[in-house]
Protein backbone atom coordinates (compact mmCIF):
# COMPACT_ATOMS: atom_id res chain seq x y z
CA MET A 1 189.23 57.85 -45.78
CA ASN A 2 187.80 54.43 -44.81
CA ASN A 3 184.59 55.18 -46.72
CA LEU A 4 186.56 56.06 -49.84
CA ARG A 5 188.58 52.84 -49.53
CA ARG A 6 185.38 50.78 -49.13
CA VAL A 7 183.77 52.44 -52.14
CA MET A 8 186.89 51.87 -54.27
CA THR A 9 187.10 48.24 -53.15
CA ARG A 10 183.47 47.60 -54.05
CA PHE A 11 183.91 49.34 -57.38
CA LEU A 12 186.94 47.17 -58.22
CA LEU A 13 185.09 44.00 -57.21
CA VAL A 14 182.08 44.87 -59.35
CA ALA A 15 184.36 45.79 -62.26
CA ALA A 16 186.26 42.49 -61.97
CA ALA A 17 183.03 40.48 -61.89
CA THR A 18 181.64 42.41 -64.86
CA VAL A 19 184.77 41.80 -66.94
CA SER A 20 184.72 38.10 -65.99
CA LEU A 21 181.08 37.71 -66.99
CA ALA A 22 181.57 39.60 -70.25
CA THR A 23 184.43 37.27 -71.12
CA ILE A 24 182.34 34.20 -70.25
CA GLY A 25 179.36 35.39 -72.28
CA GLY A 26 181.46 36.27 -75.30
CA GLN A 27 183.08 32.83 -75.41
CA ALA A 28 179.89 30.87 -74.81
CA VAL A 29 177.76 32.60 -77.46
CA ALA A 30 180.08 31.54 -80.28
CA ALA A 31 178.71 27.98 -80.49
CA THR A 32 176.78 26.96 -83.60
CA ALA A 33 173.93 24.45 -83.60
CA ASP A 34 176.27 21.78 -84.97
CA ASP A 35 178.86 22.55 -82.26
CA LEU A 36 176.22 22.34 -79.53
CA ASN A 37 174.81 19.08 -80.89
CA ARG A 38 178.28 17.49 -81.06
CA ASP A 39 179.33 18.76 -77.62
CA ALA A 40 176.04 17.66 -76.03
CA THR A 41 176.39 14.16 -77.47
CA GLN A 42 179.96 13.90 -76.17
CA ALA A 43 178.98 15.19 -72.72
CA LEU A 44 176.12 12.71 -72.45
CA GLN A 45 178.42 9.85 -73.47
CA LEU A 46 180.91 10.94 -70.79
CA LEU A 47 178.17 11.01 -68.16
CA TYR A 48 176.97 7.50 -69.10
CA LYS A 49 180.55 6.19 -69.13
CA THR A 50 181.41 7.61 -65.70
CA ASN A 51 178.02 6.88 -64.16
CA PRO A 52 176.28 3.92 -65.85
CA ALA A 53 173.26 4.10 -63.51
CA VAL A 54 172.23 7.34 -65.21
CA ALA A 55 171.51 5.50 -68.47
CA ALA A 56 168.51 3.83 -66.78
CA ILE A 57 167.09 7.25 -65.89
CA ALA A 58 167.55 8.40 -69.48
CA LYS A 59 165.49 5.49 -70.77
CA THR A 60 162.42 6.61 -68.84
CA ALA A 61 162.86 10.37 -69.40
CA ARG A 62 160.50 12.18 -71.79
CA ALA A 63 163.34 14.55 -72.81
CA VAL A 64 166.96 15.28 -71.97
CA LEU A 65 168.47 18.76 -71.66
CA VAL A 66 172.27 18.73 -71.94
CA PHE A 67 174.52 21.68 -71.09
CA PRO A 68 177.96 20.46 -72.20
CA SER A 69 179.90 23.45 -70.88
CA VAL A 70 178.83 25.98 -68.30
CA VAL A 71 181.42 28.51 -67.19
CA LYS A 72 181.16 30.08 -63.75
CA ALA A 73 183.29 32.91 -62.34
CA GLY A 74 183.00 35.13 -59.34
CA LEU A 75 184.65 37.57 -57.02
CA VAL A 76 181.92 38.49 -54.51
CA PHE A 77 179.58 39.03 -57.50
CA GLY A 78 179.56 36.28 -60.06
CA GLY A 79 177.63 34.34 -62.58
CA SER A 80 177.57 31.46 -64.97
CA TYR A 81 176.56 30.90 -68.57
CA GLY A 82 176.22 27.90 -70.84
CA GLU A 83 174.22 26.75 -73.83
CA GLY A 84 172.53 23.41 -74.27
CA VAL A 85 170.43 21.09 -76.38
CA LEU A 86 167.03 19.58 -75.61
CA THR A 87 166.45 16.18 -77.17
CA LYS A 88 163.28 14.14 -77.33
CA GLY A 89 164.28 10.64 -78.26
CA ASP A 90 167.00 10.97 -80.89
CA LYS A 91 165.73 14.31 -82.23
CA VAL A 92 166.85 17.83 -81.29
CA ALA A 93 163.81 19.69 -79.95
CA GLY A 94 165.42 23.04 -79.11
CA TYR A 95 168.30 25.03 -77.74
CA TYR A 96 168.51 26.70 -74.34
CA ASN A 97 170.85 28.75 -72.24
CA SER A 98 171.53 28.44 -68.54
CA VAL A 99 172.28 31.71 -66.76
CA SER A 100 172.85 32.36 -63.09
CA ALA A 101 173.88 35.29 -60.99
CA SER A 102 175.27 35.07 -57.52
CA TRP A 103 176.57 37.19 -54.73
CA GLY A 104 178.23 36.34 -51.49
CA TRP A 105 181.56 35.11 -50.30
CA GLN A 106 183.03 33.55 -53.45
CA VAL A 107 186.15 33.63 -55.57
CA GLY A 108 187.35 31.62 -58.55
CA ALA A 109 186.33 30.21 -61.88
CA GLN A 110 185.26 26.79 -63.06
CA SER A 111 183.53 24.99 -65.87
CA TYR A 112 181.21 22.03 -65.62
CA SER A 113 178.59 20.09 -67.54
CA TYR A 114 175.10 19.27 -66.45
CA VAL A 115 172.21 17.23 -67.73
CA VAL A 116 168.54 17.54 -66.77
CA PHE A 117 166.27 14.56 -67.35
CA LEU A 118 162.65 15.70 -67.80
CA MET A 119 160.59 12.81 -66.54
CA ASN A 120 156.99 13.64 -67.44
CA ASP A 121 154.79 15.51 -69.90
CA LYS A 122 153.88 18.15 -67.29
CA THR A 123 157.52 19.18 -66.92
CA LEU A 124 158.17 19.12 -70.64
CA SER A 125 155.05 21.21 -71.25
CA TYR A 126 156.18 23.72 -68.61
CA LEU A 127 159.55 24.08 -70.33
CA ASP A 128 157.94 24.41 -73.78
CA LYS A 129 155.31 26.97 -72.75
CA SER A 130 157.22 29.10 -70.25
CA GLU A 131 159.52 31.95 -71.17
CA GLY A 132 162.17 30.23 -69.12
CA TRP A 133 162.43 27.88 -66.19
CA GLU A 134 163.73 29.50 -63.05
CA ILE A 135 165.09 26.64 -60.99
CA GLY A 136 163.19 26.51 -57.72
CA VAL A 137 159.96 27.70 -59.36
CA GLY A 138 157.74 25.31 -61.29
CA PRO A 139 158.50 21.59 -61.61
CA THR A 140 160.50 19.83 -58.91
CA LEU A 141 164.16 19.40 -59.81
CA VAL A 142 166.33 16.98 -57.83
CA VAL A 143 170.11 17.27 -58.16
CA LEU A 144 171.73 13.85 -57.80
CA ASP A 145 175.24 12.55 -57.35
CA GLU A 146 176.66 9.20 -58.38
CA GLY A 147 175.68 7.45 -55.13
CA ALA A 148 172.05 8.58 -55.25
CA ALA A 149 171.75 7.62 -58.92
CA LYS A 150 172.67 4.01 -58.13
CA ASN A 151 169.63 3.73 -55.85
CA LEU A 152 167.09 4.89 -58.44
CA SER A 153 164.98 2.61 -60.58
CA SER A 154 161.96 3.06 -62.81
CA THR A 155 159.73 2.51 -59.78
CA THR A 156 161.50 5.09 -57.58
CA LEU A 157 161.71 7.88 -60.18
CA LYS A 158 158.86 10.01 -58.88
CA ASP A 159 160.11 13.62 -59.27
CA ASP A 160 159.57 15.92 -62.26
CA ALA A 161 163.22 16.28 -63.25
CA TYR A 162 166.65 15.01 -62.24
CA ALA A 163 169.92 16.88 -62.79
CA PHE A 164 173.49 15.60 -62.78
CA ILE A 165 176.45 17.95 -62.56
CA PHE A 166 179.73 16.44 -63.75
CA ASP A 167 183.11 17.08 -65.37
CA GLN A 168 183.98 19.99 -63.07
CA GLN A 169 187.24 21.77 -63.89
CA GLY A 170 188.80 24.74 -62.15
CA LEU A 171 188.31 26.00 -58.64
CA MET A 172 185.40 27.93 -57.19
CA VAL A 173 185.36 28.58 -53.48
CA GLY A 174 182.64 30.23 -51.51
CA LEU A 175 179.15 30.53 -50.19
CA SER A 176 176.64 32.29 -52.41
CA ILE A 177 172.97 32.89 -53.03
CA GLU A 178 172.34 31.75 -56.54
CA GLY A 179 169.49 31.43 -58.98
CA THR A 180 169.60 29.68 -62.33
CA LYS A 181 167.27 30.30 -65.23
CA ILE A 182 166.95 28.10 -68.31
CA THR A 183 165.65 30.00 -71.35
CA PRO A 184 165.02 29.02 -74.99
CA ILE A 185 167.44 30.45 -77.58
CA ARG A 186 167.66 30.32 -81.36
CA ARG A 187 170.41 28.43 -83.15
């Protein structure tokens, strides 16, 4: 009887995570290029307003990848999905999605924005030529918070890419093993 209960519990958890991810994916795919461009611009303005030190990093970046809304949900199994815009200077250079899967002790749902500043031609070339950038493989990505950003200057920016996560909403609790992949999409 205990085995049957365990199997049913696992089945229900997997089913709940699958339904959550299907809902997330369905909502996120609906964005048009114009919607993404507008939302990315607004997200970047919010980041600069709440963390002015980040604007200095943007000035030295070769390109900026903005994910204005990433939705994450999980119940043991989980995942996240969001779509973003790559800009080089003032021009849109492409569209990407950010997908992650996770498992572990976790429960909840949240949305957030994140921006990746690509600091050199090597990193930009890697993103352009690869079929997707699996975070942790390839160029070095450093995730910064507001305090660390204040201590950076054009002489201390030595890593390939810097990411800022901001505008978190919702509640996600847990420990998980997670991998994120950034892949080009058509819009």
